[in-house]
PDB file of N, CA and C in Angstrom:
ATOM      1  N   MET A   1       0.786  -1.274  -0.120  1.00  0.00           N
ATOM      2  CA  MET A   1      -0.353   0.213   0.089  1.00  0.00           C
ATOM      3  C   MET A   1       0.927   1.176   0.034  1.00  0.00           C
ATOM      4  N   GLN A   2       0.681   2.005  -0.785  1.00  0.00           N
ATOM      5  CA  GLN A   2       1.455   3.410  -0.899  1.00  0.00           C
ATOM      6  C   GLN A   2       0.708   4.459  -0.330  1.00  0.00           C
ATOM      7  N   PHE A   3       1.692   5.357   0.449  1.00  0.00           N
ATOM      8  CA  PHE A   3       1.123   6.384   1.206  1.00  0.00           C
ATOM      9  C   PHE A   3       0.923   7.541   0.002  1.00  0.00           C
ATOM     10  N   ASP A   4      -0.341   8.246   0.224  1.00  0.00           N
ATOM     11  CA  ASP A   4      -0.850   8.980  -0.866  1.00  0.00           C
ATOM     12  C   ASP A   4      -0.747  10.506   0.290  1.00  0.00           C
ATOM     13  N   GLU A   5       0.011  11.162  -0.345  1.00  0.00           N
ATOM     14  CA  GLU A   5       0.335  12.493   0.112  1.00  0.00           C
ATOM     15  C   GLU A   5      -1.121  13.457   0.334  1.00  0.00           C
ATOM     16  N   SER A   6      -1.998  13.115  -0.927  1.00  0.00           N
ATOM     17  CA  SER A   6      -3.158  14.341  -1.550  1.00  0.00           C
ATOM     18  C   SER A   6      -4.139  13.750  -0.232  1.00  0.00           C
ATOM     19  N   GLN A   7      -4.184  12.616   0.276  1.00  0.00           N
ATOM     20  CA  GLN A   7      -5.170  12.120   1.013  1.00  0.00           C
ATOM     21  C   GLN A   7      -4.747  12.606   2.780  1.00  0.00           C
ATOM     22  N   HIS A   8      -3.695  13.117   3.047  1.00  0.00           N
ATOM     23  CA  HIS A   8      -3.269  13.549   4.168  1.00  0.00           C
ATOM     24  C   HIS A   8      -2.661  14.991   4.578  1.00  0.00           C
ATOM     25  N   ASP A   9      -3.201  15.593   5.397  1.00  0.00           N
ATOM     26  CA  ASP A   9      -2.843  16.811   5.508  1.00  0.00           C
ATOM     27  C   ASP A   9      -1.393  16.976   6.222  1.00  0.00           C
ATOM     28  N   ILE A  10      -0.422  17.742   5.851  1.00  0.00           N
ATOM     29  CA  ILE A  10       1.050  17.810   6.662  1.00  0.00           C
ATOM     30  C   ILE A  10       0.881  19.298   7.260  1.00  0.00           C
ATOM     31  N   ALA A  11       1.167  19.110   8.237  1.00  0.00           N
ATOM     32  CA  ALA A  11       0.973  20.372   9.366  1.00  0.00           C
ATOM     33  C   ALA A  11       2.339  21.132   8.765  1.00  0.00           C
ATOM     34  N   PRO A  12       1.961  22.374   8.748  1.00  0.00           N
ATOM     35  CA  PRO A  12       3.122  23.469   8.249  1.00  0.00           C
ATOM     36  C   PRO A  12       4.119  23.267   9.698  1.00  0.00           C
ATOM     37  N   GLU A  13       5.574  23.446   9.326  1.00  0.00           N
ATOM     38  CA  GLU A  13       6.388  23.613  10.097  1.00  0.00           C
ATOM     39  C   GLU A  13       6.354  25.222  10.907  1.00  0.00           C
ATOM     40  N   GLN A  14       6.182  24.912  12.078  1.00  0.00           N
ATOM     41  CA  GLN A  14       5.915  26.203  13.057  1.00  0.00           C
ATOM     42  C   GLN A  14       7.218  26.736  13.763  1.00  0.00           C
ATOM     43  N   SER A  15       7.238  27.921  13.585  1.00  0.00           N
ATOM     44  CA  SER A  15       8.412  28.243  14.313  1.00  0.00           C
ATOM     45  C   SER A  15       7.922  28.722  15.796  1.00  0.00           C
ATOM     46  N   SER A  16       8.963  28.883  16.587  1.00  0.00           N
ATOM     47  CA  SER A  16       8.909  28.597  18.210  1.00  0.00           C
ATOM     48  C   SER A  16       8.543  30.135  18.445  1.00  0.00           C
ATOM     49  N   PRO A  17       7.779  30.483  19.236  1.00  0.00           N
ATOM     50  CA  PRO A  17       7.241  31.679  19.876  1.00  0.00           C
ATOM     51  C   PRO A  17       8.646  32.350  20.186  1.00  0.00           C
ATOM     52  N   PRO A  18       8.776  33.714  20.188  1.00  0.00           N
ATOM     53  CA  PRO A  18       9.749  34.571  20.947  1.00  0.00           C
ATOM     54  C   PRO A  18      10.359  34.100  22.112  1.00  0.00           C
ATOM     55  N   GLU A  19       9.376  33.896  23.086  1.00  0.00           N
ATOM     56  CA  GLU A  19       9.668  33.436  24.535  1.00  0.00           C
ATOM     57  C   GLU A  19      10.297  32.091  24.474  1.00  0.00           C
ATOM     58  N   MET A  20      10.025  31.171  23.727  1.00  0.00           N
ATOM     59  CA  MET A  20      10.469  29.788  23.858  1.00  0.00           C
ATOM     60  C   MET A  20      11.779  30.028  23.207  1.00  0.00           C
ATOM     61  N   GLU A  21      12.311  30.562  22.342  1.00  0.00           N
ATOM     62  CA  GLU A  21      13.552  30.912  21.754  1.00  0.00           C
ATOM     63  C   GLU A  21      14.614  31.575  22.549  1.00  0.00           C
ATOM     64  N   GLU A  22      13.745  32.543  23.463  1.00  0.00           N
ATOM     65  CA  GLU A  22      14.819  33.286  24.307  1.00  0.00           C
ATOM     66  C   GLU A  22      15.149  32.016  25.516  1.00  0.00           C
ATOM     67  N   ARG A  23      14.231  31.439  26.085  1.00  0.00           N
ATOM     68  CA  ARG A  23      14.321  30.319  27.015  1.00  0.00           C
ATOM     69  C   ARG A  23      15.546  29.271  26.754  1.00  0.00           C
ATOM     70  N   LEU A  24      15.336  29.054  25.438  1.00  0.00           N
ATOM     71  CA  LEU A  24      16.322  28.018  24.514  1.00  0.00           C
ATOM     72  C   LEU A  24      17.668  28.217  24.888  1.00  0.00           C
ATOM     73  N   THR A  25      17.874  29.623  24.341  1.00  0.00           N
ATOM     74  CA  THR A  25      19.227  30.332  24.427  1.00  0.00           C
ATOM     75  C   THR A  25      19.536  30.463  25.633  1.00  0.00           C
ATOM     76  N   MET A  26      18.757  30.836  26.661  1.00  0.00           N
ATOM     77  CA  MET A  26      19.182  30.996  28.229  1.00  0.00           C
ATOM     78  C   MET A  26      20.050  29.646  28.644  1.00  0.00           C
ATOM     79  N   LEU A  27      18.836  28.470  28.270  1.00  0.00           N
ATOM     80  CA  LEU A  27      19.345  27.203  28.666  1.00  0.00           C
ATOM     81  C   LEU A  27      20.623  26.671  28.078  1.00  0.00           C
ATOM     82  N   ARG A  28      20.940  27.016  26.585  1.00  0.00           N
ATOM     83  CA  ARG A  28      22.094  26.704  26.206  1.00  0.00           C
ATOM     84  C   ARG A  28      23.206  27.104  26.674  1.00  0.00           C
ATOM     85  N   GLN A  29      23.062  28.549  26.903  1.00  0.00           N
ATOM     86  CA  GLN A  29      24.249  29.283  27.746  1.00  0.00           C
ATOM     87  C   GLN A  29      24.625  28.705  29.324  1.00  0.00           C
ATOM     88  N   VAL A  30      23.641  28.362  29.948  1.00  0.00           N
ATOM     89  CA  VAL A  30      23.931  27.952  30.975  1.00  0.00           C
ATOM     90  C   VAL A  30      24.198  26.587  31.209  1.00  0.00           C
ATOM     91  N   ILE A  31      24.032  25.599  30.080  1.00  0.00           N
ATOM     92  CA  ILE A  31      24.355  24.084  29.919  1.00  0.00           C
ATOM     93  C   ILE A  31      25.995  24.432  29.340  1.00  0.00           C
ATOM     94  N   GLY A  32      26.050  25.480  28.625  1.00  0.00           N
ATOM     95  CA  GLY A  32      27.237  25.598  27.985  1.00  0.00           C
ATOM     96  C   GLY A  32      28.511  25.727  28.808  1.00  0.00           C
ATOM     97  N   LYS A  33      28.060  26.454  30.101  1.00  0.00           N
ATOM     98  CA  LYS A  33      29.090  26.861  31.204  1.00  0.00           C
ATOM     99  C   LYS A  33      29.363  25.804  32.155  1.00  0.00           C
ATOM    100  N   CYS A  34      28.641  24.517  32.009  1.00  0.00           N
ATOM    101  CA  CYS A  34      28.760  23.302  33.080  1.00  0.00           C
ATOM    102  C   CYS A  34      29.905  22.627  32.606  1.00  0.00           C
ATOM    103  N   PRO A  35      30.528  22.188  33.726  1.00  0.00           N
ATOM    104  CA  PRO A  35      31.946  21.317  33.292  1.00  0.00           C
ATOM    105  C   PRO A  35      31.509  20.096  32.371  1.00  0.00           C
ATOM    106  N   PRO A  36      32.354  19.358  31.646  1.00  0.00           N
ATOM    107  CA  PRO A  36      31.972  18.234  30.861  1.00  0.00           C
ATOM    108  C   PRO A  36      31.257  17.254  31.253  1.00  0.00           C
ATOM    109  N   LEU A  37      31.845  16.603  32.695  1.00  0.00           N
ATOM    110  CA  LEU A  37      30.794  15.566  33.157  1.00  0.00           C
ATOM    111  C   LEU A  37      29.417  16.195  33.442  1.00  0.00           C
ATOM    112  N   ASP A  38      29.110  17.152  33.744  1.00  0.00           N
ATOM    113  CA  ASP A  38      27.926  17.736  34.135  1.00  0.00           C
ATOM    114  C   ASP A  38      26.897  17.597  32.817  1.00  0.00           C
ATOM    115  N   ARG A  39      27.605  18.230  31.754  1.00  0.00           N
ATOM    116  CA  ARG A  39      26.975  18.458  30.470  1.00  0.00           C
ATOM    117  C   ARG A  39      26.527  16.790  29.881  1.00  0.00           C
ATOM    118  N   ALA A  40      27.495  15.932  30.074  1.00  0.00           N
ATOM    119  CA  ALA A  40      27.252  14.846  29.926  1.00  0.00           C
ATOM    120  C   ALA A  40      26.427  14.034  30.415  1.00  0.00           C
ATOM    121  N   LEU A  41      26.271  14.221  31.810  1.00  0.00           N
ATOM    122  CA  LEU A  41      25.013  13.876  32.404  1.00  0.00           C
ATOM    123  C   LEU A  41      23.779  14.343  32.410  1.00  0.00           C
ATOM    124  N   LEU A  42      23.798  15.623  31.804  1.00  0.00           N
ATOM    125  CA  LEU A  42      22.390  16.088  31.426  1.00  0.00           C
ATOM    126  C   LEU A  42      21.911  15.692  30.299  1.00  0.00           C
ATOM    127  N   LEU A  43      22.804  15.615  29.422  1.00  0.00           N
ATOM    128  CA  LEU A  43      22.418  15.006  27.763  1.00  0.00           C
ATOM    129  C   LEU A  43      21.828  13.747  28.134  1.00  0.00           C
ATOM    130  N   LEU A  44      22.750  13.026  28.785  1.00  0.00           N
ATOM    131  CA  LEU A  44      22.115  11.536  28.966  1.00  0.00           C
ATOM    132  C   LEU A  44      20.890  11.323  29.507  1.00  0.00           C
ATOM    133  N   TYR A  45      20.740  12.134  30.730  1.00  0.00           N
ATOM    134  CA  TYR A  45      19.448  12.318  31.244  1.00  0.00           C
ATOM    135  C   TYR A  45      18.119  12.547  30.329  1.00  0.00           C
ATOM    136  N   LEU A  46      18.516  13.681  29.497  1.00  0.00           N
ATOM    137  CA  LEU A  46      17.457  14.293  28.636  1.00  0.00           C
ATOM    138  C   LEU A  46      17.219  13.262  27.676  1.00  0.00           C
ATOM    139  N   ASP A  47      17.962  12.278  27.395  1.00  0.00           N
ATOM    140  CA  ASP A  47      18.083  11.300  26.415  1.00  0.00           C
ATOM    141  C   ASP A  47      17.180  10.014  26.702  1.00  0.00           C
ATOM    142  N   ASP A  48      16.678  10.332  28.019  1.00  0.00           N
ATOM    143  CA  ASP A  48      15.906   9.246  28.668  1.00  0.00           C
ATOM    144  C   ASP A  48      16.625   7.955  28.945  1.00  0.00           C
ATOM    145  N   ARG A  49      18.038   8.234  29.316  1.00  0.00           N
ATOM    146  CA  ARG A  49      18.739   7.161  29.641  1.00  0.00           C
ATOM    147  C   ARG A  49      18.534   6.975  31.051  1.00  0.00           C
ATOM    148  N   SER A  50      18.571   5.547  31.603  1.00  0.00           N
ATOM    149  CA  SER A  50      18.300   4.950  32.832  1.00  0.00           C
ATOM    150  C   SER A  50      19.724   5.657  33.707  1.00  0.00           C
ATOM    151  N   TYR A  51      19.464   5.519  34.887  1.00  0.00           N
ATOM    152  CA  TYR A  51      20.654   5.873  35.976  1.00  0.00           C
ATOM    153  C   TYR A  51      21.637   4.702  35.833  1.00  0.00           C
ATOM    154  N   ARG A  52      20.909   3.300  35.511  1.00  0.00           N
ATOM    155  CA  ARG A  52      22.337   2.434  35.263  1.00  0.00           C
ATOM    156  C   ARG A  52      23.117   2.595  34.039  1.00  0.00           C
ATOM    157  N   GLU A  53      22.510   3.058  32.927  1.00  0.00           N
ATOM    158  CA  GLU A  53      22.873   3.343  31.748  1.00  0.00           C
ATOM    159  C   GLU A  53      24.241   4.473  31.825  1.00  0.00           C
ATOM    160  N   ILE A  54      23.486   5.511  32.443  1.00  0.00           N
ATOM    161  CA  ILE A  54      24.584   6.873  32.730  1.00  0.00           C
ATOM    162  C   ILE A  54      25.419   6.208  33.484  1.00  0.00           C
ATOM    163  N   ALA A  55      25.370   5.508  34.559  1.00  0.00           N
ATOM    164  CA  ALA A  55      26.565   4.982  35.371  1.00  0.00           C
ATOM    165  C   ALA A  55      27.773   4.309  34.385  1.00  0.00           C
ATOM    166  N   SER A  56      26.767   3.358  33.973  1.00  0.00           N
ATOM    167  CA  SER A  56      27.865   2.713  32.798  1.00  0.00           C
ATOM    168  C   SER A  56      28.887   3.388  31.982  1.00  0.00           C
ATOM    169  N   VAL A  57      28.075   4.305  31.394  1.00  0.00           N
ATOM    170  CA  VAL A  57      28.685   5.121  30.243  1.00  0.00           C
ATOM    171  C   VAL A  57      29.977   5.987  30.863  1.00  0.00           C
ATOM    172  N   LEU A  58      29.515   6.588  32.037  1.00  0.00           N
ATOM    173  CA  LEU A  58      30.497   7.599  32.673  1.00  0.00           C
ATOM    174  C   LEU A  58      31.073   7.168  33.769  1.00  0.00           C
ATOM    175  N   GLY A  59      31.175   5.716  33.970  1.00  0.00           N
ATOM    176  CA  GLY A  59      31.971   5.122  35.138  1.00  0.00           C
ATOM    177  C   GLY A  59      31.792   5.428  36.513  1.00  0.00           C
ATOM    178  N   LEU A  60      30.326   5.701  36.857  1.00  0.00           N
ATOM    179  CA  LEU A  60      30.033   6.125  38.008  1.00  0.00           C
ATOM    180  C   LEU A  60      28.898   4.997  38.635  1.00  0.00           C
ATOM    181  N   THR A  61      28.685   5.337  39.864  1.00  0.00           N
ATOM    182  CA  THR A  61      27.602   4.126  40.648  1.00  0.00           C
ATOM    183  C   THR A  61      26.401   5.117  40.117  1.00  0.00           C
ATOM    184  N   GLU A  62      25.440   4.155  40.522  1.00  0.00           N
ATOM    185  CA  GLU A  62      23.991   4.801  40.261  1.00  0.00           C
ATOM    186  C   GLU A  62      23.530   5.809  41.202  1.00  0.00           C
ATOM    187  N   THR A  63      24.043   5.589  42.605  1.00  0.00           N
ATOM    188  CA  THR A  63      23.875   6.588  43.516  1.00  0.00           C
ATOM    189  C   THR A  63      24.730   7.767  43.255  1.00  0.00           C
ATOM    190  N   ASN A  64      25.648   7.570  42.772  1.00  0.00           N
ATOM    191  CA  ASN A  64      26.559   8.997  42.335  1.00  0.00           C
ATOM    192  C   ASN A  64      25.671   9.629  41.175  1.00  0.00           C
ATOM    193  N   VAL A  65      25.277   9.044  40.196  1.00  0.00           N
ATOM    194  CA  VAL A  65      24.628   9.642  39.025  1.00  0.00           C
ATOM    195  C   VAL A  65      23.344  10.539  39.718  1.00  0.00           C
ATOM    196  N   ALA A  66      22.317   9.640  40.636  1.00  0.00           N
ATOM    197  CA  ALA A  66      21.337  10.141  41.108  1.00  0.00           C
ATOM    198  C   ALA A  66      21.708  11.552  41.803  1.00  0.00           C
ATOM    199  N   THR A  67      22.853  11.441  42.538  1.00  0.00           N
ATOM    200  CA  THR A  67      22.998  12.743  43.441  1.00  0.00           C
ATOM    201  C   THR A  67      23.741  13.743  42.598  1.00  0.00           C
ATOM    202  N   LYS A  68      24.373  13.486  41.800  1.00  0.00           N
ATOM    203  CA  LYS A  68      24.994  14.667  40.577  1.00  0.00           C
ATOM    204  C   LYS A  68      23.705  15.326  39.936  1.00  0.00           C
ATOM    205  N   LEU A  69      22.968  14.615  39.462  1.00  0.00           N
ATOM    206  CA  LEU A  69      21.865  14.768  38.777  1.00  0.00           C
ATOM    207  C   LEU A  69      20.877  15.787  39.459  1.00  0.00           C
ATOM    208  N   SER A  70      20.685  15.337  40.744  1.00  0.00           N
ATOM    209  CA  SER A  70      19.813  16.227  41.725  1.00  0.00           C
ATOM    210  C   SER A  70      20.620  17.545  41.876  1.00  0.00           C
ATOM    211  N   ARG A  71      21.706  17.732  42.364  1.00  0.00           N
ATOM    212  CA  ARG A  71      22.348  18.713  42.248  1.00  0.00           C
ATOM    213  C   ARG A  71      22.447  19.485  41.151  1.00  0.00           C
ATOM    214  N   LEU A  72      22.834  18.696  40.085  1.00  0.00           N
ATOM    215  CA  LEU A  72      22.684  19.557  38.632  1.00  0.00           C
ATOM    216  C   LEU A  72      21.390  20.229  38.497  1.00  0.00           C
ATOM    217  N   LYS A  73      20.314  19.721  38.635  1.00  0.00           N
ATOM    218  CA  LYS A  73      19.246  19.875  38.214  1.00  0.00           C
ATOM    219  C   LYS A  73      18.787  21.259  39.148  1.00  0.00           C
ATOM    220  N   GLU A  74      19.186  21.429  40.461  1.00  0.00           N
ATOM    221  CA  GLU A  74      18.938  22.351  41.398  1.00  0.00           C
ATOM    222  C   GLU A  74      19.778  23.614  41.140  1.00  0.00           C
ATOM    223  N   ARG A  75      20.924  23.310  40.546  1.00  0.00           N
ATOM    224  CA  ARG A  75      21.950  24.452  40.305  1.00  0.00           C
ATOM    225  C   ARG A  75      21.394  24.945  38.846  1.00  0.00           C
ATOM    226  N   LEU A  76      20.865  24.137  37.864  1.00  0.00           N
ATOM    227  CA  LEU A  76      20.165  24.814  36.684  1.00  0.00           C
ATOM    228  C   LEU A  76      19.174  25.785  37.005  1.00  0.00           C
ATOM    229  N   ARG A  77      18.331  25.191  37.834  1.00  0.00           N
ATOM    230  CA  ARG A  77      16.840  26.282  38.166  1.00  0.00           C
ATOM    231  C   ARG A  77      17.510  27.455  38.909  1.00  0.00           C
ATOM    232  N   ARG A  78      18.390  27.577  39.710  1.00  0.00           N
ATOM    233  CA  ARG A  78      18.896  28.670  40.223  1.00  0.00           C
ATOM    234  C   ARG A  78      19.634  29.546  39.285  1.00  0.00           C
ATOM    235  N   GLU A  79      20.288  28.952  38.318  1.00  0.00           N
ATOM    236  CA  GLU A  79      21.097  29.856  37.371  1.00  0.00           C
ATOM    237  C   GLU A  79      20.001  30.520  36.625  1.00  0.00           C
ATOM    238  N   LEU A  80      19.078  29.464  35.972  1.00  0.00           N
ATOM    239  CA  LEU A  80      18.000  30.166  34.969  1.00  0.00           C
ATOM    240  C   LEU A  80      17.099  30.988  35.585  1.00  0.00           C
ATOM    241  N   THR A  81      16.567  30.981  37.194  1.00  0.00           N
ATOM    242  CA  THR A  81      15.996  31.811  37.768  1.00  0.00           C
ATOM    243  C   THR A  81      16.735  33.402  37.885  1.00  0.00           C
ATOM    244  N   ASP A  82      18.148  33.154  38.164  1.00  0.00           N
ATOM    245  CA  ASP A  82      18.932  34.405  38.032  1.00  0.00           C
ATOM    246  C   ASP A  82      19.000  34.915  36.798  1.00  0.00           C
ATOM    247  N   TYR A  83      19.082  34.227  35.703  1.00  0.00           N
ATOM    248  CA  TYR A  83      19.542  34.765  34.298  1.00  0.00           C
ATOM    249  C   TYR A  83      18.018  35.316  34.042  1.00  0.00           C
ATOM    250  N   ALA A  84      17.049  34.842  34.220  1.00  0.00           N
ATOM    251  CA  ALA A  84      15.754  35.441  33.952  1.00  0.00           C
ATOM    252  C   ALA A  84      15.520  36.679  34.441  1.00  0.00           C
ATOM    253  N   ASN A  85      16.090  36.820  35.603  1.00  0.00           N
ATOM    254  CA  ASN A  85      15.796  37.953  36.603  1.00  0.00           C
ATOM    255  C   ASN A  85      16.476  39.241  36.260  1.00  0.00           C
ATOM    256  N   ASN A  86      17.726  38.978  35.531  1.00  0.00           N
ATOM    257  CA  ASN A  86      18.458  39.956  35.306  1.00  0.00           C
ATOM    258  C   ASN A  86      18.329  40.477  33.705  1.00  0.00           C
TER     259      ASN A  86
END
């Protein structure tokens, strides 16, 4: 069975609202300032990797991954709040 494009609506690509673009820019800048291990932790976490997978990739224990991610998320919240308020 072939896909018939004329039978399906294709949603136009939408651009992000300016607020979303600004938030993404802030997030990129804050993440860019993180040490390499923190960036790796965050990227693996955002890629929906399990703590076990992250631990294996980075040579850490699962407990260490959980602790580091918790601290990293809190630090990112603080920095993004500070960034947004300035």
